Amino acid sequence: MKVHKWSELKAKMSPESRARVAEMVKHEMVEMPLRDLRSARGLTQEMLAQTLNVQQPAIAKIERRTDMYISTLRSHIKAMGGDLEITARFPDGVVKIINFSTIERQEI
């Protein structure tokens, strides 16, 4: 079986097909575990470990955890090129919690 690069396949797709795929990817990226997010961003555990200046097993441990400090999660997300925002969802609306952005500024 011949393996094709995504860029080659994408180049052969119609604009409509590319738009459909982009929409499916956008839908899938709404919710996922950290390990899947890291992988979707094209990063290995080793690459992320180098960015965070930790050993690879530390990344594996973080990805398995169900409970962690917000600062740990924030640094993990930042190392992937993102920013962490904490929101609370209520029946009558969504509220962005800003305490954590204040903490980030104080840490610098």
PDB file of N, CA and C in Angstrom:
ATOM      1  N   MET A   1       0.840  -1.185   0.000  1.00  0.00           N
ATOM      2  CA  MET A   1       0.000   0.000   0.000  1.00  0.00           C
ATOM      3  C   MET A   1       0.883   1.246   0.000  1.00  0.00           C
ATOM      4  N   LYS A   2       0.661   2.135  -0.939  1.00  0.00           N
ATOM      5  CA  LYS A   2       1.436   3.366  -1.030  1.00  0.00           C
ATOM      6  C   LYS A   2       0.892   4.389  -0.031  1.00  0.00           C
ATOM      7  N   VAL A   3       1.796   5.026   0.694  1.00  0.00           N
ATOM      8  CA  VAL A   3       1.424   6.049   1.664  1.00  0.00           C
ATOM      9  C   VAL A   3       1.519   7.414   0.989  1.00  0.00           C
ATOM     10  N   HIS A   4       0.483   8.221   1.150  1.00  0.00           N
ATOM     11  CA  HIS A   4       0.447   9.551   0.547  1.00  0.00           C
ATOM     12  C   HIS A   4       0.553  10.617   1.630  1.00  0.00           C
ATOM     13  N   LYS A   5       1.219  11.700   1.308  1.00  0.00           N
ATOM     14  CA  LYS A   5       1.274  12.837   2.218  1.00  0.00           C
ATOM     15  C   LYS A   5      -0.073  13.541   2.175  1.00  0.00           C
ATOM     16  N   TRP A   6      -0.466  14.085   3.336  1.00  0.00           N
ATOM     17  CA  TRP A   6      -1.734  14.808   3.428  1.00  0.00           C
ATOM     18  C   TRP A   6      -1.749  15.968   2.433  1.00  0.00           C
ATOM     19  N   SER A   7      -0.624  16.662   2.284  1.00  0.00           N
ATOM     20  CA  SER A   7      -0.583  17.809   1.369  1.00  0.00           C
ATOM     21  C   SER A   7      -0.862  17.384  -0.083  1.00  0.00           C
ATOM     22  N   GLU A   8      -0.390  16.181  -0.462  1.00  0.00           N
ATOM     23  CA  GLU A   8      -0.655  15.684  -1.816  1.00  0.00           C
ATOM     24  C   GLU A   8      -2.136  15.363  -2.001  1.00  0.00           C
ATOM     25  N   LEU A   9      -2.716  14.696  -1.014  1.00  0.00           N
ATOM     26  CA  LEU A   9      -4.144  14.355  -1.094  1.00  0.00           C
ATOM     27  C   LEU A   9      -5.008  15.616  -1.109  1.00  0.00           C
ATOM     28  N   LYS A  10      -4.647  16.557  -0.248  1.00  0.00           N
ATOM     29  CA  LYS A  10      -5.409  17.803  -0.147  1.00  0.00           C
ATOM     30  C   LYS A  10      -5.380  18.576  -1.468  1.00  0.00           C
ATOM     31  N   ALA A  11      -4.227  18.569  -2.133  1.00  0.00           N
ATOM     32  CA  ALA A  11      -4.084  19.288  -3.398  1.00  0.00           C
ATOM     33  C   ALA A  11      -5.007  18.727  -4.479  1.00  0.00           C
ATOM     34  N   LYS A  12      -5.331  17.440  -4.394  1.00  0.00           N
ATOM     35  CA  LYS A  12      -6.202  16.801  -5.383  1.00  0.00           C
ATOM     36  C   LYS A  12      -7.690  16.978  -5.072  1.00  0.00           C
ATOM     37  N   MET A  13      -8.001  17.462  -3.884  1.00  0.00           N
ATOM     38  CA  MET A  13      -9.404  17.581  -3.462  1.00  0.00           C
ATOM     39  C   MET A  13     -10.047  18.836  -4.042  1.00  0.00           C
ATOM     40  N   SER A  14     -11.338  18.761  -4.251  1.00  0.00           N
ATOM     41  CA  SER A  14     -12.077  19.944  -4.700  1.00  0.00           C
ATOM     42  C   SER A  14     -12.202  20.911  -3.520  1.00  0.00           C
ATOM     43  N   PRO A  15     -12.442  22.182  -3.810  1.00  0.00           N
ATOM     44  CA  PRO A  15     -12.635  23.149  -2.724  1.00  0.00           C
ATOM     45  C   PRO A  15     -13.775  22.737  -1.785  1.00  0.00           C
ATOM     46  N   GLU A  16     -14.826  22.132  -2.335  1.00  0.00           N
ATOM     47  CA  GLU A  16     -15.958  21.686  -1.517  1.00  0.00           C
ATOM     48  C   GLU A  16     -15.524  20.579  -0.558  1.00  0.00           C
ATOM     49  N   SER A  17     -14.721  19.636  -1.065  1.00  0.00           N
ATOM     50  CA  SER A  17     -14.222  18.541  -0.229  1.00  0.00           C
ATOM     51  C   SER A  17     -13.307  19.071   0.867  1.00  0.00           C
ATOM     52  N   ARG A  18     -12.435  20.015   0.503  1.00  0.00           N
ATOM     53  CA  ARG A  18     -11.545  20.605   1.509  1.00  0.00           C
ATOM     54  C   ARG A  18     -12.344  21.315   2.591  1.00  0.00           C
ATOM     55  N   ALA A  19     -13.390  22.011   2.193  1.00  0.00           N
ATOM     56  CA  ALA A  19     -14.237  22.712   3.173  1.00  0.00           C
ATOM     57  C   ALA A  19     -14.932  21.711   4.095  1.00  0.00           C
ATOM     58  N   ARG A  20     -15.410  20.597   3.532  1.00  0.00           N
ATOM     59  CA  ARG A  20     -16.067  19.551   4.353  1.00  0.00           C
ATOM     60  C   ARG A  20     -15.097  18.960   5.354  1.00  0.00           C
ATOM     61  N   VAL A  21     -13.879  18.668   4.902  1.00  0.00           N
ATOM     62  CA  VAL A  21     -12.861  18.103   5.795  1.00  0.00           C
ATOM     63  C   VAL A  21     -12.503  19.108   6.887  1.00  0.00           C
ATOM     64  N   ALA A  22     -12.343  20.364   6.518  1.00  0.00           N
ATOM     65  CA  ALA A  22     -12.016  21.409   7.503  1.00  0.00           C
ATOM     66  C   ALA A  22     -13.103  21.505   8.562  1.00  0.00           C
ATOM     67  N   GLU A  23     -14.351  21.403   8.142  1.00  0.00           N
ATOM     68  CA  GLU A  23     -15.476  21.454   9.084  1.00  0.00           C
ATOM     69  C   GLU A  23     -15.470  20.241  10.008  1.00  0.00           C
ATOM     70  N   MET A  24     -15.166  19.064   9.464  1.00  0.00           N
ATOM     71  CA  MET A  24     -15.100  17.859  10.299  1.00  0.00           C
ATOM     72  C   MET A  24     -13.967  17.977  11.324  1.00  0.00           C
ATOM     73  N   VAL A  25     -12.819  18.492  10.892  1.00  0.00           N
ATOM     74  CA  VAL A  25     -11.685  18.660  11.798  1.00  0.00           C
ATOM     75  C   VAL A  25     -12.045  19.662  12.887  1.00  0.00           C
ATOM     76  N   LYS A  26     -12.667  20.754  12.494  1.00  0.00           N
ATOM     77  CA  LYS A  26     -13.089  21.777  13.468  1.00  0.00           C
ATOM     78  C   LYS A  26     -14.028  21.168  14.499  1.00  0.00           C
ATOM     79  N   HIS A  27     -14.950  20.341  14.052  1.00  0.00           N
ATOM     80  CA  HIS A  27     -15.907  19.687  14.950  1.00  0.00           C
ATOM     81  C   HIS A  27     -15.185  18.739  15.909  1.00  0.00           C
ATOM     82  N   GLU A  28     -14.232  17.978  15.408  1.00  0.00           N
ATOM     83  CA  GLU A  28     -13.492  17.017  16.238  1.00  0.00           C
ATOM     84  C   GLU A  28     -12.575  17.707  17.236  1.00  0.00           C
ATOM     85  N   MET A  29     -12.104  18.914  16.920  1.00  0.00           N
ATOM     86  CA  MET A  29     -11.169  19.627  17.785  1.00  0.00           C
ATOM     87  C   MET A  29     -11.864  20.317  18.955  1.00  0.00           C
ATOM     88  N   VAL A  30     -13.174  20.244  19.035  1.00  0.00           N
ATOM     89  CA  VAL A  30     -13.908  20.912  20.103  1.00  0.00           C
ATOM     90  C   VAL A  30     -13.648  20.258  21.452  1.00  0.00           C
ATOM     91  N   GLU A  31     -13.494  18.964  21.471  1.00  0.00           N
ATOM     92  CA  GLU A  31     -13.332  18.224  22.712  1.00  0.00           C
ATOM     93  C   GLU A  31     -12.378  17.064  22.508  1.00  0.00           C
ATOM     94  N   MET A  32     -11.315  16.995  23.311  1.00  0.00           N
ATOM     95  CA  MET A  32     -10.407  15.859  23.215  1.00  0.00           C
ATOM     96  C   MET A  32      -9.476  15.831  24.416  1.00  0.00           C
ATOM     97  N   PRO A  33      -8.954  14.649  24.722  1.00  0.00           N
ATOM     98  CA  PRO A  33      -7.969  14.547  25.799  1.00  0.00           C
ATOM     99  C   PRO A  33      -6.665  15.242  25.411  1.00  0.00           C
ATOM    100  N   LEU A  34      -5.850  15.585  26.409  1.00  0.00           N
ATOM    101  CA  LEU A  34      -4.577  16.269  26.147  1.00  0.00           C
ATOM    102  C   LEU A  34      -3.692  15.513  25.170  1.00  0.00           C
ATOM    103  N   ARG A  35      -3.597  14.189  25.312  1.00  0.00           N
ATOM    104  CA  ARG A  35      -2.699  13.427  24.430  1.00  0.00           C
ATOM    105  C   ARG A  35      -3.148  13.544  22.977  1.00  0.00           C
ATOM    106  N   ASP A  36      -4.462  13.542  22.741  1.00  0.00           N
ATOM    107  CA  ASP A  36      -4.965  13.679  21.373  1.00  0.00           C
ATOM    108  C   ASP A  36      -4.741  15.090  20.851  1.00  0.00           C
ATOM    109  N   LEU A  37      -4.880  16.081  21.734  1.00  0.00           N
ATOM    110  CA  LEU A  37      -4.632  17.470  21.346  1.00  0.00           C
ATOM    111  C   LEU A  37      -3.165  17.646  20.957  1.00  0.00           C
ATOM    112  N   ARG A  38      -2.260  17.093  21.771  1.00  0.00           N
ATOM    113  CA  ARG A  38      -0.833  17.167  21.467  1.00  0.00           C
ATOM    114  C   ARG A  38      -0.542  16.540  20.106  1.00  0.00           C
ATOM    115  N   SER A  39      -1.099  15.379  19.897  1.00  0.00           N
ATOM    116  CA  SER A  39      -0.885  14.661  18.645  1.00  0.00           C
ATOM    117  C   SER A  39      -1.464  15.440  17.456  1.00  0.00           C
ATOM    118  N   ALA A  40      -2.648  15.994  17.632  1.00  0.00           N
ATOM    119  CA  ALA A  40      -3.288  16.782  16.565  1.00  0.00           C
ATOM    120  C   ALA A  40      -2.477  18.024  16.223  1.00  0.00           C
ATOM    121  N   ARG A  41      -1.734  18.531  17.201  1.00  0.00           N
ATOM    122  CA  ARG A  41      -0.880  19.693  16.968  1.00  0.00           C
ATOM    123  C   ARG A  41       0.455  19.289  16.326  1.00  0.00           C
ATOM    124  N   GLY A  42       0.632  17.976  16.089  1.00  0.00           N
ATOM    125  CA  GLY A  42       1.837  17.494  15.433  1.00  0.00           C
ATOM    126  C   GLY A  42       3.041  17.398  16.353  1.00  0.00           C
ATOM    127  N   LEU A  43       2.780  17.251  17.640  1.00  0.00           N
ATOM    128  CA  LEU A  43       3.860  17.185  18.617  1.00  0.00           C
ATOM    129  C   LEU A  43       3.977  15.794  19.219  1.00  0.00           C
ATOM    130  N   THR A  44       5.195  15.369  19.485  1.00  0.00           N
ATOM    131  CA  THR A  44       5.418  14.127  20.221  1.00  0.00           C
ATOM    132  C   THR A  44       5.588  14.489  21.691  1.00  0.00           C
ATOM    133  N   GLN A  45       5.515  13.486  22.555  1.00  0.00           N
ATOM    134  CA  GLN A  45       5.754  13.733  23.981  1.00  0.00           C
ATOM    135  C   GLN A  45       7.168  14.269  24.187  1.00  0.00           C
ATOM    136  N   GLU A  46       8.110  13.752  23.439  1.00  0.00           N
ATOM    137  CA  GLU A  46       9.501  14.201  23.559  1.00  0.00           C
ATOM    138  C   GLU A  46       9.645  15.666  23.166  1.00  0.00           C
ATOM    139  N   MET A  47       9.001  16.076  22.083  1.00  0.00           N
ATOM    140  CA  MET A  47       9.069  17.470  21.647  1.00  0.00           C
ATOM    141  C   MET A  47       8.491  18.394  22.706  1.00  0.00           C
ATOM    142  N   LEU A  48       7.354  18.015  23.267  1.00  0.00           N
ATOM    143  CA  LEU A  48       6.712  18.824  24.300  1.00  0.00           C
ATOM    144  C   LEU A  48       7.575  18.854  25.556  1.00  0.00           C
ATOM    145  N   ALA A  49       8.183  17.734  25.903  1.00  0.00           N
ATOM    146  CA  ALA A  49       9.067  17.664  27.070  1.00  0.00           C
ATOM    147  C   ALA A  49      10.245  18.626  26.913  1.00  0.00           C
ATOM    148  N   GLN A  50      10.831  18.685  25.717  1.00  0.00           N
ATOM    149  CA  GLN A  50      11.945  19.604  25.474  1.00  0.00           C
ATOM    150  C   GLN A  50      11.501  21.047  25.646  1.00  0.00           C
ATOM    151  N   THR A  51      10.323  21.383  25.129  1.00  0.00           N
ATOM    152  CA  THR A  51       9.801  22.737  25.249  1.00  0.00           C
ATOM    153  C   THR A  51       9.580  23.119  26.711  1.00  0.00           C
ATOM    154  N   LEU A  52       9.071  22.166  27.498  1.00  0.00           N
ATOM    155  CA  LEU A  52       8.776  22.420  28.910  1.00  0.00           C
ATOM    156  C   LEU A  52       9.981  22.167  29.821  1.00  0.00           C
ATOM    157  N   ASN A  53      11.096  21.712  29.235  1.00  0.00           N
ATOM    158  CA  ASN A  53      12.302  21.420  29.993  1.00  0.00           C
ATOM    159  C   ASN A  53      12.063  20.366  31.080  1.00  0.00           C
ATOM    160  N   VAL A  54      11.368  19.297  30.695  1.00  0.00           N
ATOM    161  CA  VAL A  54      11.112  18.149  31.568  1.00  0.00           C
ATOM    162  C   VAL A  54      11.442  16.879  30.795  1.00  0.00           C
ATOM    163  N   GLN A  55      11.407  15.749  31.484  1.00  0.00           N
ATOM    164  CA  GLN A  55      11.630  14.466  30.829  1.00  0.00           C
ATOM    165  C   GLN A  55      10.328  13.982  30.188  1.00  0.00           C
ATOM    166  N   GLN A  56      10.420  13.164  29.153  1.00  0.00           N
ATOM    167  CA  GLN A  56       9.251  12.644  28.444  1.00  0.00           C
ATOM    168  C   GLN A  56       8.270  11.923  29.368  1.00  0.00           C
ATOM    169  N   PRO A  57       8.722  11.121  30.353  1.00  0.00           N
ATOM    170  CA  PRO A  57       7.749  10.460  31.235  1.00  0.00           C
ATOM    171  C   PRO A  57       6.848  11.441  32.000  1.00  0.00           C
ATOM    172  N   ALA A  58       7.345  12.660  32.246  1.00  0.00           N
ATOM    173  CA  ALA A  58       6.516  13.665  32.923  1.00  0.00           C
ATOM    174  C   ALA A  58       5.331  14.065  32.041  1.00  0.00           C
ATOM    175  N   ILE A  59       5.550  14.131  30.742  1.00  0.00           N
ATOM    176  CA  ILE A  59       4.466  14.458  29.808  1.00  0.00           C
ATOM    177  C   ILE A  59       3.451  13.324  29.792  1.00  0.00           C
ATOM    178  N   ALA A  60       3.929  12.097  29.743  1.00  0.00           N
ATOM    179  CA  ALA A  60       3.025  10.932  29.756  1.00  0.00           C
ATOM    180  C   ALA A  60       2.174  10.948  31.020  1.00  0.00           C
ATOM    181  N   LYS A  61       2.782  11.290  32.142  1.00  0.00           N
ATOM    182  CA  LYS A  61       2.052  11.331  33.420  1.00  0.00           C
ATOM    183  C   LYS A  61       0.970  12.415  33.402  1.00  0.00           C
ATOM    184  N   ILE A  62       1.315  13.581  32.906  1.00  0.00           N
ATOM    185  CA  ILE A  62       0.339  14.679  32.828  1.00  0.00           C
ATOM    186  C   ILE A  62      -0.839  14.272  31.946  1.00  0.00           C
ATOM    187  N   GLU A  63      -0.551  13.621  30.830  1.00  0.00           N
ATOM    188  CA  GLU A  63      -1.613  13.236  29.892  1.00  0.00           C
ATOM    189  C   GLU A  63      -2.545  12.181  30.470  1.00  0.00           C
ATOM    190  N   ARG A  64      -2.089  11.432  31.462  1.00  0.00           N
ATOM    191  CA  ARG A  64      -2.946  10.416  32.099  1.00  0.00           C
ATOM    192  C   ARG A  64      -3.754  10.967  33.263  1.00  0.00           C
ATOM    193  N   ARG A  65      -3.369  12.115  33.780  1.00  0.00           N
ATOM    194  CA  ARG A  65      -4.010  12.662  34.974  1.00  0.00           C
ATOM    195  C   ARG A  65      -5.417  13.156  34.673  1.00  0.00           C
ATOM    196  N   THR A  66      -6.272  13.007  35.678  1.00  0.00           N
ATOM    197  CA  THR A  66      -7.627  13.556  35.570  1.00  0.00           C
ATOM    198  C   THR A  66      -7.775  14.798  36.437  1.00  0.00           C
ATOM    199  N   ASP A  67      -6.756  15.095  37.235  1.00  0.00           N
ATOM    200  CA  ASP A  67      -6.788  16.251  38.132  1.00  0.00           C
ATOM    201  C   ASP A  67      -5.387  16.851  38.171  1.00  0.00           C
ATOM    202  N   MET A  68      -5.270  18.154  37.929  1.00  0.00           N
ATOM    203  CA  MET A  68      -3.960  18.798  37.956  1.00  0.00           C
ATOM    204  C   MET A  68      -4.123  20.265  38.289  1.00  0.00           C
ATOM    205  N   TYR A  69      -3.012  20.902  38.632  1.00  0.00           N
ATOM    206  CA  TYR A  69      -3.027  22.333  38.879  1.00  0.00           C
ATOM    207  C   TYR A  69      -3.317  23.073  37.577  1.00  0.00           C
ATOM    208  N   ILE A  70      -3.994  24.186  37.699  1.00  0.00           N
ATOM    209  CA  ILE A  70      -4.275  25.008  36.524  1.00  0.00           C
ATOM    210  C   ILE A  70      -2.966  25.508  35.923  1.00  0.00           C
ATOM    211  N   SER A  71      -1.992  25.830  36.753  1.00  0.00           N
ATOM    212  CA  SER A  71      -0.700  26.304  36.236  1.00  0.00           C
ATOM    213  C   SER A  71      -0.010  25.226  35.396  1.00  0.00           C
ATOM    214  N   THR A  72      -0.153  23.958  35.787  1.00  0.00           N
ATOM    215  CA  THR A  72       0.423  22.856  35.011  1.00  0.00           C
ATOM    216  C   THR A  72      -0.269  22.750  33.662  1.00  0.00           C
ATOM    217  N   LEU A  73      -1.583  22.799  33.680  1.00  0.00           N
ATOM    218  CA  LEU A  73      -2.344  22.731  32.429  1.00  0.00           C
ATOM    219  C   LEU A  73      -2.032  23.929  31.547  1.00  0.00           C
ATOM    220  N   ARG A  74      -1.940  25.121  32.143  1.00  0.00           N
ATOM    221  CA  ARG A  74      -1.638  26.331  31.372  1.00  0.00           C
ATOM    222  C   ARG A  74      -0.286  26.201  30.676  1.00  0.00           C
ATOM    223  N   SER A  75       0.747  25.736  31.406  1.00  0.00           N
ATOM    224  CA  SER A  75       2.068  25.630  30.784  1.00  0.00           C
ATOM    225  C   SER A  75       2.074  24.569  29.683  1.00  0.00           C
ATOM    226  N   HIS A  76       1.322  23.502  29.877  1.00  0.00           N
ATOM    227  CA  HIS A  76       1.207  22.442  28.869  1.00  0.00           C
ATOM    228  C   HIS A  76       0.566  22.999  27.590  1.00  0.00           C
ATOM    229  N   ILE A  77      -0.520  23.732  27.743  1.00  0.00           N
ATOM    230  CA  ILE A  77      -1.223  24.334  26.597  1.00  0.00           C
ATOM    231  C   ILE A  77      -0.343  25.382  25.919  1.00  0.00           C
ATOM    232  N   LYS A  78       0.341  26.219  26.714  1.00  0.00           N
ATOM    233  CA  LYS A  78       1.236  27.236  26.140  1.00  0.00           C
ATOM    234  C   LYS A  78       2.347  26.599  25.323  1.00  0.00           C
ATOM    235  N   ALA A  79       2.887  25.472  25.813  1.00  0.00           N
ATOM    236  CA  ALA A  79       3.960  24.777  25.095  1.00  0.00           C
ATOM    237  C   ALA A  79       3.466  24.230  23.759  1.00  0.00           C
ATOM    238  N   MET A  80       2.156  24.025  23.632  1.00  0.00           N
ATOM    239  CA  MET A  80       1.585  23.575  22.361  1.00  0.00           C
ATOM    240  C   MET A  80       1.209  24.752  21.468  1.00  0.00           C
ATOM    241  N   GLY A  81       1.426  25.966  21.967  1.00  0.00           N
ATOM    242  CA  GLY A  81       1.145  27.153  21.165  1.00  0.00           C
ATOM    243  C   GLY A  81      -0.212  27.782  21.434  1.00  0.00           C
ATOM    244  N   GLY A  82      -0.872  27.358  22.515  1.00  0.00           N
ATOM    245  CA  GLY A  82      -2.200  27.883  22.813  1.00  0.00           C
ATOM    246  C   GLY A  82      -2.245  28.689  24.092  1.00  0.00           C
ATOM    247  N   ASP A  83      -3.417  29.180  24.412  1.00  0.00           N
ATOM    248  CA  ASP A  83      -3.684  29.891  25.657  1.00  0.00           C
ATOM    249  C   ASP A  83      -4.848  29.205  26.344  1.00  0.00           C
ATOM    250  N   LEU A  84      -4.778  29.099  27.664  1.00  0.00           N
ATOM    251  CA  LEU A  84      -5.829  28.455  28.432  1.00  0.00           C
ATOM    252  C   LEU A  84      -6.812  29.506  28.928  1.00  0.00           C
ATOM    253  N   GLU A  85      -8.084  29.267  28.692  1.00  0.00           N
ATOM    254  CA  GLU A  85      -9.154  30.103  29.234  1.00  0.00           C
ATOM    255  C   GLU A  85     -10.084  29.211  30.024  1.00  0.00           C
ATOM    256  N   ILE A  86     -10.498  29.672  31.201  1.00  0.00           N
ATOM    257  CA  ILE A  86     -11.416  28.916  32.048  1.00  0.00           C
ATOM    258  C   ILE A  86     -12.774  29.604  31.980  1.00  0.00           C
ATOM    259  N   THR A  87     -13.796  28.839  31.617  1.00  0.00           N
ATOM    260  CA  THR A  87     -15.149  29.386  31.564  1.00  0.00           C
ATOM    261  C   THR A  87     -16.103  28.519  32.368  1.00  0.00           C
ATOM    262  N   ALA A  88     -17.129  29.156  32.881  1.00  0.00           N
ATOM    263  CA  ALA A  88     -18.197  28.445  33.584  1.00  0.00           C
ATOM    264  C   ALA A  88     -19.454  28.554  32.725  1.00  0.00           C
ATOM    265  N   ARG A  89     -20.122  27.433  32.514  1.00  0.00           N
ATOM    266  CA  ARG A  89     -21.332  27.408  31.688  1.00  0.00           C
ATOM    267  C   ARG A  89     -22.554  27.229  32.577  1.00  0.00           C
ATOM    268  N   PHE A  90     -23.495  28.133  32.424  1.00  0.00           N
ATOM    269  CA  PHE A  90     -24.743  28.096  33.164  1.00  0.00           C
ATOM    270  C   PHE A  90     -25.893  28.048  32.167  1.00  0.00           C
ATOM    271  N   PRO A  91     -27.089  27.655  32.604  1.00  0.00           N
ATOM    272  CA  PRO A  91     -28.224  27.622  31.681  1.00  0.00           C
ATOM    273  C   PRO A  91     -28.480  28.975  31.019  1.00  0.00           C
ATOM    274  N   ASP A  92     -28.151  30.068  31.725  1.00  0.00           N
ATOM    275  CA  ASP A  92     -28.437  31.392  31.169  1.00  0.00           C
ATOM    276  C   ASP A  92     -27.222  32.085  30.565  1.00  0.00           C
ATOM    277  N   GLY A  93     -26.098  31.361  30.414  1.00  0.00           N
ATOM    278  CA  GLY A  93     -24.949  31.978  29.755  1.00  0.00           C
ATOM    279  C   GLY A  93     -23.618  31.414  30.199  1.00  0.00           C
ATOM    280  N   VAL A  94     -22.569  31.935  29.587  1.00  0.00           N
ATOM    281  CA  VAL A  94     -21.193  31.501  29.839  1.00  0.00           C
ATOM    282  C   VAL A  94     -20.433  32.670  30.445  1.00  0.00           C
ATOM    283  N   VAL A  95     -19.605  32.376  31.463  1.00  0.00           N
ATOM    284  CA  VAL A  95     -18.807  33.402  32.121  1.00  0.00           C
ATOM    285  C   VAL A  95     -17.346  32.986  32.078  1.00  0.00           C
ATOM    286  N   LYS A  96     -16.490  33.877  31.590  1.00  0.00           N
ATOM    287  CA  LYS A  96     -15.044  33.616  31.590  1.00  0.00           C
ATOM    288  C   LYS A  96     -14.512  33.975  32.977  1.00  0.00           C
ATOM    289  N   ILE A  97     -13.835  33.037  33.614  1.00  0.00           N
ATOM    290  CA  ILE A  97     -13.260  33.264  34.932  1.00  0.00           C
ATOM    291  C   ILE A  97     -11.903  33.932  34.731  1.00  0.00           C
ATOM    292  N   ILE A  98     -11.726  35.133  35.305  1.00  0.00           N
ATOM    293  CA  ILE A  98     -10.510  35.900  35.041  1.00  0.00           C
ATOM    294  C   ILE A  98      -9.464  35.792  36.144  1.00  0.00           C
ATOM    295  N   ASN A  99      -9.785  35.167  37.268  1.00  0.00           N
ATOM    296  CA  ASN A  99      -8.806  35.026  38.352  1.00  0.00           C
ATOM    297  C   ASN A  99      -7.498  34.433  37.844  1.00  0.00           C
ATOM    298  N   PHE A 100      -7.583  33.485  36.937  1.00  0.00           N
ATOM    299  CA  PHE A 100      -6.408  32.752  36.491  1.00  0.00           C
ATOM    300  C   PHE A 100      -5.533  33.576  35.563  1.00  0.00           C
ATOM    301  N   SER A 101      -6.103  34.498  34.834  1.00  0.00           N
ATOM    302  CA  SER A 101      -5.266  35.362  33.992  1.00  0.00           C
ATOM    303  C   SER A 101      -4.506  36.345  34.881  1.00  0.00           C
ATOM    304  N   THR A 102      -5.093  36.752  36.011  1.00  0.00           N
ATOM    305  CA  THR A 102      -4.414  37.617  36.962  1.00  0.00           C
ATOM    306  C   THR A 102      -3.242  36.869  37.583  1.00  0.00           C
ATOM    307  N   ILE A 103      -3.430  35.615  37.923  1.00  0.00           N
ATOM    308  CA  ILE A 103      -2.361  34.808  38.493  1.00  0.00           C
ATOM    309  C   ILE A 103      -1.218  34.681  37.512  1.00  0.00           C
ATOM    310  N   GLU A 104      -1.520  34.496  36.243  1.00  0.00           N
ATOM    311  CA  GLU A 104      -0.479  34.343  35.222  1.00  0.00           C
ATOM    312  C   GLU A 104       0.378  35.597  35.159  1.00  0.00           C
ATOM    313  N   ARG A 105      -0.232  36.772  35.199  1.00  0.00           N
ATOM    314  CA  ARG A 105       0.523  38.015  35.137  1.00  0.00           C
ATOM    315  C   ARG A 105       1.443  38.150  36.347  1.00  0.00           C
ATOM    316  N   GLN A 106       0.990  37.697  37.519  1.00  0.00           N
ATOM    317  CA  GLN A 106       1.791  37.806  38.735  1.00  0.00           C
ATOM    318  C   GLN A 106       2.981  36.854  38.696  1.00  0.00           C
ATOM    319  N   GLU A 107       2.848  35.713  37.989  1.00  0.00           N
ATOM    320  CA  GLU A 107       3.930  34.724  37.925  1.00  0.00           C
ATOM    321  C   GLU A 107       5.106  35.221  37.101  1.00  0.00           C
ATOM    322  N   ILE A 108       4.868  36.113  36.149  1.00  0.00           N
ATOM    323  CA  ILE A 108       5.929  36.570  35.217  1.00  0.00           C
ATOM    324  C   ILE A 108       6.932  37.437  35.891  1.00  0.00           C
TER     325      ILE A 108
END
